[in-house]
Amino acid sequence: MIPGIPHGRHAGLADLERRHPAAPPWPRRVPPAVYAGLAIAAIGTLGWASAVPWLFPSLGPSIAIQSRSPEHPSARPWNVVVGHLIGAAVGFAVVRITGVIHQPAMNLSHALTGARVVAAALAVFLSMALQELAGANHAPAEATTLLIVVGALDANLHGAIVLLAGIALVALFGEAVRRVKLERRAAG
C-alpha cells in the first residue's frame, strides 16, 4: 500500500466523495430498468420528433443487457453495433435470396409460409455464425434479422437507414448507461 493513494474495493468512491463531497449518491442506487427506460424514451422521443420510427423490438433487449449486465461482452459497443449490423445485413440478403421479399409481411398477412421458415432458419444461422467470426456476439441481433425476414422491418434503403439510426442510438445511449452502471458497480 502506498500512503495517500486510494485502494481497495471502495477506493474510487471514497476518492470521488473526498474530491466532490456534494456528489449525490443516487446514481449508484438507480435500478437498471430506470436507465433502460430512459434510454428507450430518449430514442423514441428523437424518432417521434423526427417522424422516423427508430424504435424496433430488438433494441429493448440490447439496452436491457447494457443496463443489467454492463460487464458482459455482449454489452460492449462493438458487439451491439456489429452484431446488429450483421443481423440486418443477413436479413436483407436472405429475404432476397429466398424471395420472401415479394411476400406480404407476416404481421399483415397472418400467414407463415415454408419460404419464410427457411429464410428465418437460414438468417439466424448465418447471423450467429458471422457474429461468432467477428467476435461480435449479441443475441438481440437475431431478433433484428428475424424482424426483417418476417417483413416487420422494411428490407429497403429506408429500412436500412432506420435500422442504422436505431442501432447507433442504442449503442450511444446504451454505452452511456453501461459506463454509469460499471462505475456504480466499481464503487460498491
C-alpha atoms as a PDB file:
ATOM      1  CA  MET A   1       0.000   0.000   0.000  1.00  0.00           C
ATOM      2  CA  ILE A   2       1.144   3.492  -0.820  1.00  0.00           C
ATOM      3  CA  PRO A   3       0.088   6.174   1.696  1.00  0.00           C
ATOM      4  CA  GLY A   4      -2.327   8.731   0.271  1.00  0.00           C
ATOM      5  CA  ILE A   5      -3.339   6.528  -2.708  1.00  0.00           C
ATOM      6  CA  PRO A   6      -6.885   5.126  -2.502  1.00  0.00           C
ATOM      7  CA  HIS A   7      -7.013   1.332  -2.529  1.00  0.00           C
ATOM      8  CA  GLY A   8      -9.457  -1.481  -2.050  1.00  0.00           C
ATOM      9  CA  ARG A   9     -12.972  -2.093  -3.312  1.00  0.00           C
ATOM     10  CA  HIS A  10     -14.389   1.311  -2.334  1.00  0.00           C
ATOM     11  CA  ALA A  11     -11.297   3.367  -3.170  1.00  0.00           C
ATOM     12  CA  GLY A  12     -12.816   5.012  -6.259  1.00  0.00           C
ATOM     13  CA  LEU A  13     -15.959   6.024  -4.388  1.00  0.00           C
ATOM     14  CA  ALA A  14     -14.008   7.318  -1.384  1.00  0.00           C
ATOM     15  CA  ASP A  15     -11.765   9.312  -3.696  1.00  0.00           C
ATOM     16  CA  LEU A  16     -14.783  10.744  -5.552  1.00  0.00           C
ATOM     17  CA  GLU A  17     -16.521  11.698  -2.306  1.00  0.00           C
ATOM     18  CA  ARG A  18     -13.326  13.302  -0.962  1.00  0.00           C
ATOM     19  CA  ARG A  19     -12.879  15.378  -4.129  1.00  0.00           C
ATOM     20  CA  HIS A  20     -16.608  16.117  -4.556  1.00  0.00           C
ATOM     21  CA  PRO A  21     -18.276  15.935  -1.157  1.00  0.00           C
ATOM     22  CA  ALA A  22     -21.603  17.131  -2.584  1.00  0.00           C
ATOM     23  CA  ALA A  23     -21.673  14.402  -5.285  1.00  0.00           C
ATOM     24  CA  PRO A  24     -25.083  12.719  -4.997  1.00  0.00           C
ATOM     25  CA  PRO A  25     -25.139   9.004  -4.120  1.00  0.00           C
ATOM     26  CA  TRP A  26     -28.314   8.387  -6.166  1.00  0.00           C
ATOM     27  CA  PRO A  27     -26.640   7.243  -9.422  1.00  0.00           C
ATOM     28  CA  ARG A  28     -25.327   4.220  -7.505  1.00  0.00           C
ATOM     29  CA  ARG A  29     -28.843   3.228  -6.409  1.00  0.00           C
ATOM     30  CA  VAL A  30     -30.834   3.585  -9.647  1.00  0.00           C
ATOM     31  CA  PRO A  31     -32.106   0.184 -10.856  1.00  0.00           C
ATOM     32  CA  PRO A  32     -31.232  -0.987 -14.390  1.00  0.00           C
ATOM     33  CA  ALA A  33     -34.849  -0.720 -15.533  1.00  0.00           C
ATOM     34  CA  VAL A  34     -34.821   3.042 -14.953  1.00  0.00           C
ATOM     35  CA  TYR A  35     -31.710   3.547 -17.069  1.00  0.00           C
ATOM     36  CA  ALA A  36     -33.075   1.268 -19.797  1.00  0.00           C
ATOM     37  CA  GLY A  37     -36.439   3.026 -19.797  1.00  0.00           C
ATOM     38  CA  LEU A  38     -34.812   6.436 -20.007  1.00  0.00           C
ATOM     39  CA  ALA A  39     -32.601   5.351 -22.920  1.00  0.00           C
ATOM     40  CA  ILE A  40     -35.550   3.900 -24.849  1.00  0.00           C
ATOM     41  CA  ALA A  41     -37.600   7.038 -24.069  1.00  0.00           C
ATOM     42  CA  ALA A  42     -34.781   9.202 -25.449  1.00  0.00           C
ATOM     43  CA  ILE A  43     -34.534   7.122 -28.639  1.00  0.00           C
ATOM     44  CA  GLY A  44     -38.314   7.120 -29.023  1.00  0.00           C
ATOM     45  CA  THR A  45     -38.573  10.867 -28.441  1.00  0.00           C
ATOM     46  CA  LEU A  46     -35.893  11.570 -31.039  1.00  0.00           C
ATOM     47  CA  GLY A  47     -37.666   9.282 -33.501  1.00  0.00           C
ATOM     48  CA  TRP A  48     -41.030  10.863 -32.768  1.00  0.00           C
ATOM     49  CA  ALA A  49     -39.626  14.377 -33.157  1.00  0.00           C
ATOM     50  CA  SER A  50     -38.045  13.473 -36.495  1.00  0.00           C
ATOM     51  CA  ALA A  51     -41.021  11.365 -37.673  1.00  0.00           C
ATOM     52  CA  VAL A  52     -38.761   8.335 -38.153  1.00  0.00           C
ATOM     53  CA  PRO A  53     -39.559   5.086 -36.301  1.00  0.00           C
ATOM     54  CA  TRP A  54     -36.151   4.487 -34.739  1.00  0.00           C
ATOM     55  CA  LEU A  55     -37.629   2.152 -32.149  1.00  0.00           C
ATOM     56  CA  PHE A  56     -37.790  -1.503 -33.085  1.00  0.00           C
ATOM     57  CA  PRO A  57     -38.192  -4.516 -30.798  1.00  0.00           C
ATOM     58  CA  SER A  58     -34.611  -5.789 -30.764  1.00  0.00           C
ATOM     59  CA  LEU A  59     -33.374  -2.535 -29.221  1.00  0.00           C
ATOM     60  CA  GLY A  60     -35.169  -3.373 -25.965  1.00  0.00           C
ATOM     61  CA  PRO A  61     -33.092  -6.489 -25.239  1.00  0.00           C
ATOM     62  CA  SER A  62     -29.930  -4.613 -26.271  1.00  0.00           C
ATOM     63  CA  ILE A  63     -30.461  -1.828 -23.745  1.00  0.00           C
ATOM     64  CA  ALA A  64     -31.528  -4.403 -21.140  1.00  0.00           C
ATOM     65  CA  ILE A  65     -28.195  -6.205 -21.492  1.00  0.00           C
ATOM     66  CA  GLN A  66     -26.276  -2.922 -21.385  1.00  0.00           C
ATOM     67  CA  SER A  67     -28.009  -1.741 -18.207  1.00  0.00           C
ATOM     68  CA  ARG A  68     -28.395  -5.038 -16.346  1.00  0.00           C
ATOM     69  CA  SER A  69     -25.134  -6.768 -17.302  1.00  0.00           C
ATOM     70  CA  PRO A  70     -22.739  -3.984 -18.360  1.00  0.00           C
ATOM     71  CA  GLU A  71     -19.673  -6.167 -17.816  1.00  0.00           C
ATOM     72  CA  HIS A  72     -20.938  -8.882 -20.177  1.00  0.00           C
ATOM     73  CA  PRO A  73     -19.089  -8.991 -23.521  1.00  0.00           C
ATOM     74  CA  SER A  74     -22.355  -8.718 -25.479  1.00  0.00           C
ATOM     75  CA  ALA A  75     -22.995  -5.322 -23.828  1.00  0.00           C
ATOM     76  CA  ARG A  76     -19.874  -3.774 -25.385  1.00  0.00           C
ATOM     77  CA  PRO A  77     -20.428  -1.238 -28.181  1.00  0.00           C
ATOM     78  CA  TRP A  78     -18.602  -3.469 -30.695  1.00  0.00           C
ATOM     79  CA  ASN A  79     -20.978  -6.338 -30.023  1.00  0.00           C
ATOM     80  CA  VAL A  80     -24.075  -4.151 -30.092  1.00  0.00           C
ATOM     81  CA  VAL A  81     -23.234  -2.294 -33.302  1.00  0.00           C
ATOM     82  CA  VAL A  82     -21.528  -5.051 -35.290  1.00  0.00           C
ATOM     83  CA  GLY A  83     -23.952  -7.709 -34.040  1.00  0.00           C
ATOM     84  CA  HIS A  84     -26.985  -5.717 -35.193  1.00  0.00           C
ATOM     85  CA  LEU A  85     -25.302  -4.725 -38.478  1.00  0.00           C
ATOM     86  CA  ILE A  86     -24.564  -8.369 -39.222  1.00  0.00           C
ATOM     87  CA  GLY A  87     -28.122  -9.336 -38.287  1.00  0.00           C
ATOM     88  CA  ALA A  88     -29.536  -6.625 -40.540  1.00  0.00           C
ATOM     89  CA  ALA A  89     -27.236  -7.405 -43.482  1.00  0.00           C
ATOM     90  CA  VAL A  90     -28.011 -11.106 -43.250  1.00  0.00           C
ATOM     91  CA  GLY A  91     -31.747 -10.362 -43.045  1.00  0.00           C
ATOM     92  CA  PHE A  92     -31.559  -8.133 -46.137  1.00  0.00           C
ATOM     93  CA  ALA A  93     -29.620 -10.765 -48.069  1.00  0.00           C
ATOM     94  CA  VAL A  94     -31.763 -13.736 -47.054  1.00  0.00           C
ATOM     95  CA  VAL A  95     -35.106 -12.123 -47.958  1.00  0.00           C
ATOM     96  CA  ARG A  96     -33.731 -11.529 -51.433  1.00  0.00           C
ATOM     97  CA  ILE A  97     -32.094 -14.944 -51.827  1.00  0.00           C
ATOM     98  CA  THR A  98     -35.229 -16.793 -50.700  1.00  0.00           C
ATOM     99  CA  GLY A  99     -37.660 -14.465 -52.483  1.00  0.00           C
ATOM    100  CA  VAL A 100     -39.715 -13.713 -49.364  1.00  0.00           C
ATOM    101  CA  ILE A 101     -39.195 -10.016 -50.002  1.00  0.00           C
ATOM    102  CA  HIS A 102     -42.036 -10.384 -52.527  1.00  0.00           C
ATOM    103  CA  GLN A 103     -44.431 -11.885 -49.975  1.00  0.00           C
ATOM    104  CA  PRO A 104     -46.650  -9.749 -47.759  1.00  0.00           C
ATOM    105  CA  ALA A 105     -45.334  -9.153 -44.256  1.00  0.00           C
ATOM    106  CA  MET A 106     -46.434 -11.766 -41.747  1.00  0.00           C
ATOM    107  CA  ASN A 107     -47.941  -9.170 -39.419  1.00  0.00           C
ATOM    108  CA  LEU A 108     -50.249  -8.142 -42.294  1.00  0.00           C
ATOM    109  CA  SER A 109     -50.980 -11.495 -43.913  1.00  0.00           C
ATOM    110  CA  HIS A 110     -51.056 -13.557 -40.716  1.00  0.00           C
ATOM    111  CA  ALA A 111     -49.590 -16.381 -42.808  1.00  0.00           C
ATOM    112  CA  LEU A 112     -46.358 -18.266 -42.263  1.00  0.00           C
ATOM    113  CA  THR A 113     -45.044 -19.801 -45.471  1.00  0.00           C
ATOM    114  CA  GLY A 114     -42.466 -22.515 -45.948  1.00  0.00           C
ATOM    115  CA  ALA A 115     -40.183 -19.977 -47.603  1.00  0.00           C
ATOM    116  CA  ARG A 116     -40.352 -17.763 -44.502  1.00  0.00           C
ATOM    117  CA  VAL A 117     -39.451 -20.704 -42.269  1.00  0.00           C
ATOM    118  CA  VAL A 118     -36.435 -21.479 -44.471  1.00  0.00           C
ATOM    119  CA  ALA A 119     -35.478 -17.796 -44.551  1.00  0.00           C
ATOM    120  CA  ALA A 120     -35.774 -17.485 -40.767  1.00  0.00           C
ATOM    121  CA  ALA A 121     -33.658 -20.570 -40.068  1.00  0.00           C
ATOM    122  CA  LEU A 122     -31.018 -19.539 -42.619  1.00  0.00           C
ATOM    123  CA  ALA A 123     -30.910 -15.941 -41.363  1.00  0.00           C
ATOM    124  CA  VAL A 124     -30.478 -16.874 -37.694  1.00  0.00           C
ATOM    125  CA  PHE A 125     -27.831 -19.485 -38.570  1.00  0.00           C
ATOM    126  CA  LEU A 126     -25.822 -17.076 -40.743  1.00  0.00           C
ATOM    127  CA  SER A 127     -26.190 -14.144 -38.365  1.00  0.00           C
ATOM    128  CA  MET A 128     -24.957 -16.148 -35.382  1.00  0.00           C
ATOM    129  CA  ALA A 129     -22.108 -17.725 -37.353  1.00  0.00           C
ATOM    130  CA  LEU A 130     -20.901 -14.384 -38.727  1.00  0.00           C
ATOM    131  CA  GLN A 131     -21.173 -12.722 -35.312  1.00  0.00           C
ATOM    132  CA  GLU A 132     -19.045 -15.507 -33.866  1.00  0.00           C
ATOM    133  CA  LEU A 133     -16.411 -14.987 -36.584  1.00  0.00           C
ATOM    134  CA  ALA A 134     -16.427 -11.225 -35.976  1.00  0.00           C
ATOM    135  CA  GLY A 135     -16.251 -11.598 -32.194  1.00  0.00           C
ATOM    136  CA  ALA A 136     -19.495  -9.615 -32.008  1.00  0.00           C
ATOM    137  CA  ASN A 137     -21.999 -11.986 -30.380  1.00  0.00           C
ATOM    138  CA  HIS A 138     -25.150 -10.092 -29.486  1.00  0.00           C
ATOM    139  CA  ALA A 139     -28.303 -12.202 -29.094  1.00  0.00           C
ATOM    140  CA  PRO A 140     -30.767  -9.321 -29.687  1.00  0.00           C
ATOM    141  CA  ALA A 141     -29.348  -9.040 -33.219  1.00  0.00           C
ATOM    142  CA  GLU A 142     -31.064 -12.324 -34.054  1.00  0.00           C
ATOM    143  CA  ALA A 143     -34.340 -10.530 -33.388  1.00  0.00           C
ATOM    144  CA  THR A 144     -33.253  -7.839 -35.854  1.00  0.00           C
ATOM    145  CA  THR A 145     -32.637 -10.426 -38.566  1.00  0.00           C
ATOM    146  CA  LEU A 146     -35.971 -12.132 -37.844  1.00  0.00           C
ATOM    147  CA  LEU A 147     -37.849  -8.821 -37.929  1.00  0.00           C
ATOM    148  CA  ILE A 148     -36.524  -8.305 -41.439  1.00  0.00           C
ATOM    149  CA  VAL A 149     -37.254 -11.880 -42.528  1.00  0.00           C
ATOM    150  CA  VAL A 150     -40.875 -11.785 -41.342  1.00  0.00           C
ATOM    151  CA  GLY A 151     -41.360  -8.399 -43.014  1.00  0.00           C
ATOM    152  CA  ALA A 152     -41.855  -6.334 -39.861  1.00  0.00           C
ATOM    153  CA  LEU A 153     -38.874  -4.139 -40.818  1.00  0.00           C
ATOM    154  CA  ASP A 154     -38.549  -2.935 -44.390  1.00  0.00           C
ATOM    155  CA  ALA A 155     -35.742  -4.562 -46.377  1.00  0.00           C
ATOM    156  CA  ASN A 156     -35.060  -1.467 -48.469  1.00  0.00           C
ATOM    157  CA  LEU A 157     -32.911   1.664 -48.285  1.00  0.00           C
ATOM    158  CA  HIS A 158     -35.344   3.474 -45.969  1.00  0.00           C
ATOM    159  CA  GLY A 159     -35.460   0.411 -43.701  1.00  0.00           C
ATOM    160  CA  ALA A 160     -31.665   0.279 -43.656  1.00  0.00           C
ATOM    161  CA  ILE A 161     -31.436   3.943 -42.653  1.00  0.00           C
ATOM    162  CA  VAL A 162     -33.980   3.452 -39.861  1.00  0.00           C
ATOM    163  CA  LEU A 163     -32.056   0.405 -38.638  1.00  0.00           C
ATOM    164  CA  LEU A 164     -28.712   2.203 -38.751  1.00  0.00           C
ATOM    165  CA  ALA A 165     -30.089   5.147 -36.797  1.00  0.00           C
ATOM    166  CA  GLY A 166     -31.724   2.913 -34.197  1.00  0.00           C
ATOM    167  CA  ILE A 167     -28.565   0.837 -33.807  1.00  0.00           C
ATOM    168  CA  ALA A 168     -26.387   3.943 -33.488  1.00  0.00           C
ATOM    169  CA  LEU A 169     -28.713   5.465 -30.898  1.00  0.00           C
ATOM    170  CA  VAL A 170     -28.954   2.312 -28.774  1.00  0.00           C
ATOM    171  CA  ALA A 171     -25.176   1.983 -28.932  1.00  0.00           C
ATOM    172  CA  LEU A 172     -24.703   5.615 -27.890  1.00  0.00           C
ATOM    173  CA  PHE A 173     -27.287   5.722 -25.102  1.00  0.00           C
ATOM    174  CA  GLY A 174     -26.537   2.141 -24.113  1.00  0.00           C
ATOM    175  CA  GLU A 175     -22.843   2.846 -23.736  1.00  0.00           C
ATOM    176  CA  ALA A 176     -23.614   5.818 -21.509  1.00  0.00           C
ATOM    177  CA  VAL A 177     -25.832   3.580 -19.362  1.00  0.00           C
ATOM    178  CA  ARG A 178     -23.217   0.813 -19.382  1.00  0.00           C
ATOM    179  CA  ARG A 179     -20.484   3.175 -18.156  1.00  0.00           C
ATOM    180  CA  VAL A 180     -22.665   4.567 -15.369  1.00  0.00           C
ATOM    181  CA  LYS A 181     -23.538   1.033 -14.290  1.00  0.00           C
ATOM    182  CA  LEU A 182     -19.905  -0.116 -14.406  1.00  0.00           C
ATOM    183  CA  GLU A 183     -18.837   2.889 -12.327  1.00  0.00           C
ATOM    184  CA  ARG A 184     -21.648   2.152  -9.912  1.00  0.00           C
ATOM    185  CA  ARG A 185     -20.527  -1.454  -9.523  1.00  0.00           C
ATOM    186  CA  ALA A 186     -16.899  -0.438  -9.103  1.00  0.00           C
ATOM    187  CA  ALA A 187     -17.953   1.994  -6.392  1.00  0.00           C
ATOM    188  CA  GLY A 188     -19.580  -0.725  -4.417  1.00  0.00           C
END
